[in-house]
Amino acid sequence: MNRVRSDDRGEVSATVILVPVVLVALLFVIQFSLAYYARTVLAGAAQDGAAAGARRDSSPSAGASLSDQLISESAGSLLTSHSSAGGLSGDTVTVTASGEVVSILPFVGTITVSASGSARIERFEPQGAP
């Protein structure tokens, strides 16, 4: 005989509701982890680009180009698009990188992340010079 025990009532409906909620929450965590990682990659590339652009006989555009190259090599499949721009302000080179993170959730839309890095321009100053 198949008798239903009274303490098993409602267990299936709780599971049917709870499992999708947990899975969607897990996908949200993964999506925002990807965005955090993408921002970390952009920050590293922007800082390396700024350091390269601040070297002697270099330019901010050379730093932005290096930043683009580093982003393409390290986060090519993580970002749907990216860009880098370099600028000069006084004796400081700044490279700013931004990109759109791949979306694993269709209803979230695109997440845009950006980061910038700065470095002072290298100058040769002889020892003992005023």
N, C-alpha and C. Protein backbone atom coordinates (compact mmCIF):
# COMPACT_ATOMS: atom_id res chain seq x y z
N MET A 1 0.82 -1.18 0.00
CA MET A 1 0.00 0.00 0.00
C MET A 1 0.87 1.25 0.00
N ASN A 2 0.41 2.22 -0.71
CA ASN A 2 1.11 3.49 -0.77
C ASN A 2 0.37 4.50 0.09
N ARG A 3 0.88 4.66 1.25
CA ARG A 3 0.28 5.64 2.15
C ARG A 3 1.18 6.87 2.23
N VAL A 4 0.59 8.00 2.19
CA VAL A 4 1.34 9.25 2.31
C VAL A 4 1.46 9.60 3.78
N ARG A 5 2.70 9.81 4.18
CA ARG A 5 2.91 10.21 5.57
C ARG A 5 2.59 11.69 5.71
N SER A 6 2.04 12.04 6.82
CA SER A 6 1.59 13.42 7.01
C SER A 6 2.75 14.41 7.10
N ASP A 7 3.97 13.97 7.48
CA ASP A 7 5.09 14.91 7.61
C ASP A 7 5.81 15.15 6.27
N ASP A 8 5.40 14.48 5.19
CA ASP A 8 6.00 14.69 3.88
C ASP A 8 5.22 15.69 3.04
N ARG A 9 4.16 16.20 3.53
CA ARG A 9 3.33 17.12 2.75
C ARG A 9 4.05 18.43 2.48
N GLY A 10 3.98 18.91 1.24
CA GLY A 10 4.55 20.19 0.87
C GLY A 10 6.04 20.16 0.59
N GLU A 11 6.68 19.02 0.73
CA GLU A 11 8.12 18.95 0.52
C GLU A 11 8.48 19.14 -0.94
N VAL A 12 7.69 18.61 -1.85
CA VAL A 12 7.96 18.75 -3.27
C VAL A 12 7.78 20.20 -3.70
N SER A 13 6.74 20.86 -3.26
CA SER A 13 6.55 22.24 -3.67
C SER A 13 7.64 23.15 -3.13
N ALA A 14 8.14 22.89 -1.95
CA ALA A 14 9.24 23.69 -1.41
C ALA A 14 10.50 23.48 -2.25
N THR A 15 10.75 22.26 -2.66
CA THR A 15 11.91 21.96 -3.49
C THR A 15 11.78 22.60 -4.87
N VAL A 16 10.60 22.53 -5.45
CA VAL A 16 10.36 23.11 -6.77
C VAL A 16 10.57 24.62 -6.75
N ILE A 17 10.25 25.27 -5.67
CA ILE A 17 10.43 26.72 -5.56
C ILE A 17 11.86 27.07 -5.17
N LEU A 18 12.45 26.33 -4.27
CA LEU A 18 13.75 26.67 -3.70
C LEU A 18 14.90 26.42 -4.67
N VAL A 19 14.88 25.34 -5.43
CA VAL A 19 16.01 25.01 -6.31
C VAL A 19 16.23 26.09 -7.38
N PRO A 20 15.22 26.55 -8.10
CA PRO A 20 15.47 27.63 -9.08
C PRO A 20 15.98 28.92 -8.44
N VAL A 21 15.47 29.25 -7.27
CA VAL A 21 15.92 30.47 -6.59
C VAL A 21 17.40 30.36 -6.23
N VAL A 22 17.82 29.21 -5.74
CA VAL A 22 19.22 29.00 -5.39
C VAL A 22 20.10 29.05 -6.64
N LEU A 23 19.65 28.44 -7.73
CA LEU A 23 20.42 28.45 -8.97
C LEU A 23 20.57 29.86 -9.55
N VAL A 24 19.53 30.65 -9.53
CA VAL A 24 19.61 32.03 -10.03
C VAL A 24 20.52 32.85 -9.14
N ALA A 25 20.44 32.66 -7.83
CA ALA A 25 21.34 33.37 -6.91
C ALA A 25 22.80 33.00 -7.19
N LEU A 26 23.05 31.74 -7.46
CA LEU A 26 24.41 31.29 -7.78
C LEU A 26 24.90 31.92 -9.08
N LEU A 27 24.03 32.03 -10.08
CA LEU A 27 24.41 32.67 -11.33
C LEU A 27 24.70 34.16 -11.14
N PHE A 28 23.96 34.83 -10.25
CA PHE A 28 24.25 36.23 -9.93
C PHE A 28 25.64 36.36 -9.29
N VAL A 29 25.96 35.46 -8.39
CA VAL A 29 27.28 35.50 -7.75
C VAL A 29 28.37 35.30 -8.79
N ILE A 30 28.18 34.37 -9.71
CA ILE A 30 29.17 34.13 -10.76
C ILE A 30 29.30 35.34 -11.67
N GLN A 31 28.17 35.95 -12.05
CA GLN A 31 28.20 37.12 -12.94
C GLN A 31 28.98 38.28 -12.32
N PHE A 32 28.72 38.57 -11.07
CA PHE A 32 29.41 39.69 -10.44
C PHE A 32 30.85 39.35 -10.07
N SER A 33 31.16 38.07 -9.92
CA SER A 33 32.56 37.66 -9.76
C SER A 33 33.33 37.88 -11.06
N LEU A 34 32.70 37.59 -12.18
CA LEU A 34 33.33 37.87 -13.48
C LEU A 34 33.58 39.36 -13.65
N ALA A 35 32.63 40.19 -13.23
CA ALA A 35 32.80 41.64 -13.34
C ALA A 35 33.94 42.12 -12.44
N TYR A 36 34.05 41.57 -11.24
CA TYR A 36 35.14 41.95 -10.34
C TYR A 36 36.49 41.55 -10.92
N TYR A 37 36.56 40.34 -11.47
CA TYR A 37 37.81 39.87 -12.07
C TYR A 37 38.18 40.73 -13.29
N ALA A 38 37.18 41.07 -14.09
CA ALA A 38 37.43 41.91 -15.27
C ALA A 38 37.97 43.27 -14.86
N ARG A 39 37.43 43.84 -13.79
CA ARG A 39 37.93 45.12 -13.31
C ARG A 39 39.37 45.00 -12.82
N THR A 40 39.70 43.89 -12.18
CA THR A 40 41.06 43.66 -11.72
C THR A 40 42.03 43.57 -12.90
N VAL A 41 41.62 42.87 -13.95
CA VAL A 41 42.46 42.77 -15.15
C VAL A 41 42.64 44.15 -15.78
N LEU A 42 41.57 44.92 -15.88
CA LEU A 42 41.66 46.27 -16.45
C LEU A 42 42.57 47.17 -15.62
N ALA A 43 42.47 47.07 -14.30
CA ALA A 43 43.31 47.90 -13.42
C ALA A 43 44.79 47.58 -13.61
N GLY A 44 45.11 46.30 -13.70
CA GLY A 44 46.51 45.91 -13.92
C GLY A 44 47.03 46.36 -15.27
N ALA A 45 46.20 46.21 -16.31
CA ALA A 45 46.62 46.64 -17.64
C ALA A 45 46.76 48.16 -17.72
N ALA A 46 45.86 48.88 -17.08
CA ALA A 46 45.95 50.35 -17.09
C ALA A 46 47.19 50.82 -16.34
N GLN A 47 47.51 50.19 -15.23
CA GLN A 47 48.71 50.59 -14.48
C GLN A 47 49.98 50.27 -15.26
N ASP A 48 50.03 49.10 -15.90
CA ASP A 48 51.19 48.77 -16.72
C ASP A 48 51.30 49.70 -17.92
N GLY A 49 50.16 50.07 -18.51
CA GLY A 49 50.17 51.01 -19.62
C GLY A 49 50.65 52.38 -19.20
N ALA A 50 50.23 52.83 -18.02
CA ALA A 50 50.69 54.14 -17.52
C ALA A 50 52.19 54.12 -17.25
N ALA A 51 52.68 53.02 -16.69
CA ALA A 51 54.13 52.92 -16.43
C ALA A 51 54.91 52.92 -17.74
N ALA A 52 54.38 52.23 -18.76
CA ALA A 52 55.06 52.20 -20.06
C ALA A 52 55.00 53.57 -20.73
N GLY A 53 53.88 54.28 -20.60
CA GLY A 53 53.75 55.61 -21.20
C GLY A 53 54.58 56.66 -20.49
N ALA A 54 54.95 56.41 -19.25
CA ALA A 54 55.73 57.38 -18.48
C ALA A 54 57.23 57.19 -18.66
N ARG A 55 57.63 56.12 -19.34
CA ARG A 55 59.06 55.91 -19.56
C ARG A 55 59.62 57.00 -20.45
N ARG A 56 60.90 57.18 -20.31
CA ARG A 56 61.59 58.18 -21.12
C ARG A 56 61.45 57.85 -22.60
N ASP A 57 61.21 58.84 -23.42
CA ASP A 57 61.02 58.69 -24.88
C ASP A 57 59.80 57.85 -25.22
N SER A 58 58.77 57.88 -24.39
CA SER A 58 57.52 57.18 -24.68
C SER A 58 56.39 58.20 -24.69
N SER A 59 55.16 57.73 -24.86
CA SER A 59 54.02 58.65 -24.91
C SER A 59 52.80 58.00 -24.27
N PRO A 60 51.81 58.79 -23.89
CA PRO A 60 50.58 58.22 -23.33
C PRO A 60 49.86 57.29 -24.31
N SER A 61 49.94 57.59 -25.61
CA SER A 61 49.29 56.72 -26.59
C SER A 61 49.99 55.36 -26.66
N ALA A 62 51.30 55.33 -26.45
CA ALA A 62 52.01 54.05 -26.41
C ALA A 62 51.58 53.24 -25.19
N GLY A 63 51.33 53.93 -24.08
CA GLY A 63 50.84 53.25 -22.88
C GLY A 63 49.44 52.70 -23.08
N ALA A 64 48.57 53.46 -23.76
CA ALA A 64 47.21 52.99 -24.03
C ALA A 64 47.24 51.80 -24.98
N SER A 65 48.15 51.83 -25.94
CA SER A 65 48.28 50.70 -26.87
C SER A 65 48.73 49.44 -26.14
N LEU A 66 49.69 49.57 -25.22
CA LEU A 66 50.13 48.42 -24.44
C LEU A 66 48.99 47.91 -23.56
N SER A 67 48.23 48.82 -22.98
CA SER A 67 47.09 48.43 -22.15
C SER A 67 46.07 47.63 -22.97
N ASP A 68 45.75 48.08 -24.18
CA ASP A 68 44.84 47.34 -25.06
C ASP A 68 45.37 45.95 -25.36
N GLN A 69 46.66 45.87 -25.63
CA GLN A 69 47.27 44.58 -25.95
C GLN A 69 47.19 43.63 -24.75
N LEU A 70 47.49 44.13 -23.57
CA LEU A 70 47.43 43.30 -22.37
C LEU A 70 46.01 42.82 -22.08
N ILE A 71 45.04 43.70 -22.29
CA ILE A 71 43.64 43.31 -22.06
C ILE A 71 43.22 42.24 -23.06
N SER A 72 43.60 42.40 -24.31
CA SER A 72 43.25 41.41 -25.33
C SER A 72 43.84 40.04 -25.01
N GLU A 73 45.07 40.03 -24.53
CA GLU A 73 45.75 38.77 -24.23
C GLU A 73 45.22 38.10 -22.97
N SER A 74 44.85 38.88 -21.98
CA SER A 74 44.49 38.28 -20.69
C SER A 74 42.99 38.18 -20.44
N ALA A 75 42.18 38.97 -21.12
CA ALA A 75 40.74 38.93 -20.86
C ALA A 75 39.94 38.94 -22.15
N GLY A 76 40.48 38.35 -23.19
CA GLY A 76 39.82 38.37 -24.49
C GLY A 76 38.43 37.79 -24.48
N SER A 77 38.23 36.64 -23.81
CA SER A 77 36.92 36.01 -23.81
C SER A 77 36.03 36.51 -22.65
N LEU A 78 36.60 37.26 -21.74
CA LEU A 78 35.85 37.77 -20.59
C LEU A 78 35.09 39.06 -20.93
N LEU A 79 35.62 39.82 -21.87
CA LEU A 79 35.03 41.11 -22.23
C LEU A 79 34.50 41.06 -23.66
N THR A 80 33.31 41.60 -23.88
CA THR A 80 32.78 41.65 -25.24
C THR A 80 33.42 42.77 -26.04
N SER A 81 33.78 43.87 -25.37
CA SER A 81 34.50 44.97 -26.02
C SER A 81 35.31 45.69 -24.95
N HIS A 82 36.37 46.34 -25.40
CA HIS A 82 37.19 47.10 -24.46
C HIS A 82 37.90 48.23 -25.20
N SER A 83 38.34 49.21 -24.45
CA SER A 83 39.09 50.32 -25.02
C SER A 83 40.00 50.92 -23.96
N SER A 84 41.06 51.55 -24.41
CA SER A 84 42.00 52.23 -23.53
C SER A 84 42.32 53.59 -24.10
N ALA A 85 42.53 54.55 -23.22
CA ALA A 85 42.89 55.90 -23.64
C ALA A 85 43.96 56.43 -22.71
N GLY A 86 44.92 57.15 -23.27
CA GLY A 86 46.00 57.72 -22.47
C GLY A 86 45.94 59.23 -22.49
N GLY A 87 46.37 59.82 -21.40
CA GLY A 87 46.38 61.27 -21.31
C GLY A 87 47.57 61.77 -20.50
N LEU A 88 47.89 63.02 -20.68
CA LEU A 88 49.02 63.63 -20.00
C LEU A 88 48.52 64.85 -19.24
N SER A 89 48.86 64.91 -17.95
CA SER A 89 48.47 66.04 -17.12
C SER A 89 49.68 66.46 -16.32
N GLY A 90 50.33 67.54 -16.74
CA GLY A 90 51.54 67.98 -16.06
C GLY A 90 52.66 66.97 -16.29
N ASP A 91 53.14 66.38 -15.21
CA ASP A 91 54.19 65.36 -15.34
C ASP A 91 53.67 63.96 -15.03
N THR A 92 52.36 63.75 -15.20
CA THR A 92 51.74 62.47 -14.90
C THR A 92 51.02 61.92 -16.13
N VAL A 93 51.30 60.64 -16.43
CA VAL A 93 50.61 59.94 -17.51
C VAL A 93 49.49 59.12 -16.88
N THR A 94 48.29 59.22 -17.43
CA THR A 94 47.15 58.45 -16.95
C THR A 94 46.58 57.62 -18.10
N VAL A 95 46.39 56.33 -17.86
CA VAL A 95 45.76 55.45 -18.83
C VAL A 95 44.47 54.94 -18.21
N THR A 96 43.37 55.09 -18.96
CA THR A 96 42.06 54.63 -18.51
C THR A 96 41.59 53.53 -19.44
N ALA A 97 41.15 52.41 -18.86
CA ALA A 97 40.66 51.28 -19.64
C ALA A 97 39.24 50.96 -19.21
N SER A 98 38.41 50.58 -20.17
CA SER A 98 37.04 50.19 -19.85
C SER A 98 36.63 49.05 -20.76
N GLY A 99 35.64 48.28 -20.30
CA GLY A 99 35.17 47.16 -21.09
C GLY A 99 33.81 46.68 -20.61
N GLU A 100 33.14 45.91 -21.47
CA GLU A 100 31.84 45.34 -21.13
C GLU A 100 32.02 43.85 -20.87
N VAL A 101 31.54 43.41 -19.72
CA VAL A 101 31.70 42.02 -19.27
C VAL A 101 30.68 41.13 -19.97
N VAL A 102 31.10 39.92 -20.33
CA VAL A 102 30.21 38.94 -20.92
C VAL A 102 29.09 38.64 -19.94
N SER A 103 27.86 38.58 -20.43
CA SER A 103 26.72 38.33 -19.56
C SER A 103 26.32 36.87 -19.63
N ILE A 104 26.22 36.22 -18.47
CA ILE A 104 25.72 34.84 -18.44
C ILE A 104 24.25 34.80 -18.07
N LEU A 105 23.71 35.93 -17.65
CA LEU A 105 22.29 36.05 -17.34
C LEU A 105 21.64 36.97 -18.37
N PRO A 106 20.68 36.47 -19.13
CA PRO A 106 20.12 37.29 -20.21
C PRO A 106 19.35 38.52 -19.73
N PHE A 107 18.82 38.52 -18.52
CA PHE A 107 18.01 39.63 -18.05
C PHE A 107 18.80 40.66 -17.26
N VAL A 108 20.11 40.48 -17.12
CA VAL A 108 20.93 41.43 -16.36
C VAL A 108 21.37 42.60 -17.24
N GLY A 109 21.62 42.36 -18.51
CA GLY A 109 22.14 43.42 -19.37
C GLY A 109 23.65 43.42 -19.32
N THR A 110 24.26 44.47 -19.81
CA THR A 110 25.72 44.52 -19.82
C THR A 110 26.23 45.24 -18.57
N ILE A 111 27.34 44.77 -18.11
CA ILE A 111 28.01 45.40 -16.98
C ILE A 111 29.29 46.03 -17.52
N THR A 112 29.42 47.33 -17.37
CA THR A 112 30.61 48.03 -17.83
C THR A 112 31.52 48.29 -16.64
N VAL A 113 32.78 47.92 -16.81
CA VAL A 113 33.76 48.16 -15.75
C VAL A 113 34.87 49.04 -16.32
N SER A 114 35.48 49.82 -15.45
CA SER A 114 36.58 50.68 -15.89
C SER A 114 37.59 50.83 -14.76
N ALA A 115 38.81 51.17 -15.16
CA ALA A 115 39.88 51.38 -14.19
C ALA A 115 40.90 52.32 -14.83
N SER A 116 41.67 52.97 -13.99
CA SER A 116 42.71 53.85 -14.52
C SER A 116 43.98 53.68 -13.70
N GLY A 117 45.08 53.99 -14.34
CA GLY A 117 46.37 53.92 -13.68
C GLY A 117 47.17 55.17 -14.03
N SER A 118 48.01 55.61 -13.10
CA SER A 118 48.81 56.82 -13.31
C SER A 118 50.26 56.56 -12.95
N ALA A 119 51.15 57.28 -13.62
CA ALA A 119 52.57 57.19 -13.31
C ALA A 119 53.23 58.52 -13.68
N ARG A 120 54.23 58.89 -12.90
CA ARG A 120 54.97 60.13 -13.19
C ARG A 120 55.97 59.87 -14.30
N ILE A 121 56.15 60.88 -15.14
CA ILE A 121 57.09 60.77 -16.26
C ILE A 121 58.51 60.69 -15.71
N GLU A 122 59.27 59.75 -16.26
CA GLU A 122 60.66 59.59 -15.84
C GLU A 122 61.49 60.75 -16.37
N ARG A 123 62.31 61.30 -15.52
CA ARG A 123 63.21 62.38 -15.91
C ARG A 123 64.58 62.07 -15.32
N PHE A 124 65.59 62.37 -16.11
CA PHE A 124 66.95 62.18 -15.64
C PHE A 124 67.39 63.43 -14.90
N GLU A 125 67.76 63.26 -13.66
CA GLU A 125 68.26 64.37 -12.86
C GLU A 125 69.61 63.94 -12.31
N PRO A 126 70.67 64.63 -12.71
CA PRO A 126 72.00 64.25 -12.22
C PRO A 126 72.09 64.37 -10.70
N GLN A 127 72.90 63.51 -10.15
CA GLN A 127 73.08 63.50 -8.70
C GLN A 127 73.72 64.82 -8.26
N GLY A 128 73.15 65.42 -7.23
CA GLY A 128 73.67 66.67 -6.71
C GLY A 128 73.14 67.89 -7.42
N ALA A 129 72.24 67.70 -8.39
CA ALA A 129 71.67 68.85 -9.08
C ALA A 129 70.61 69.51 -8.20
N PRO A 130 70.50 70.82 -8.26
CA PRO A 130 69.51 71.51 -7.42
C PRO A 130 68.10 71.27 -7.83
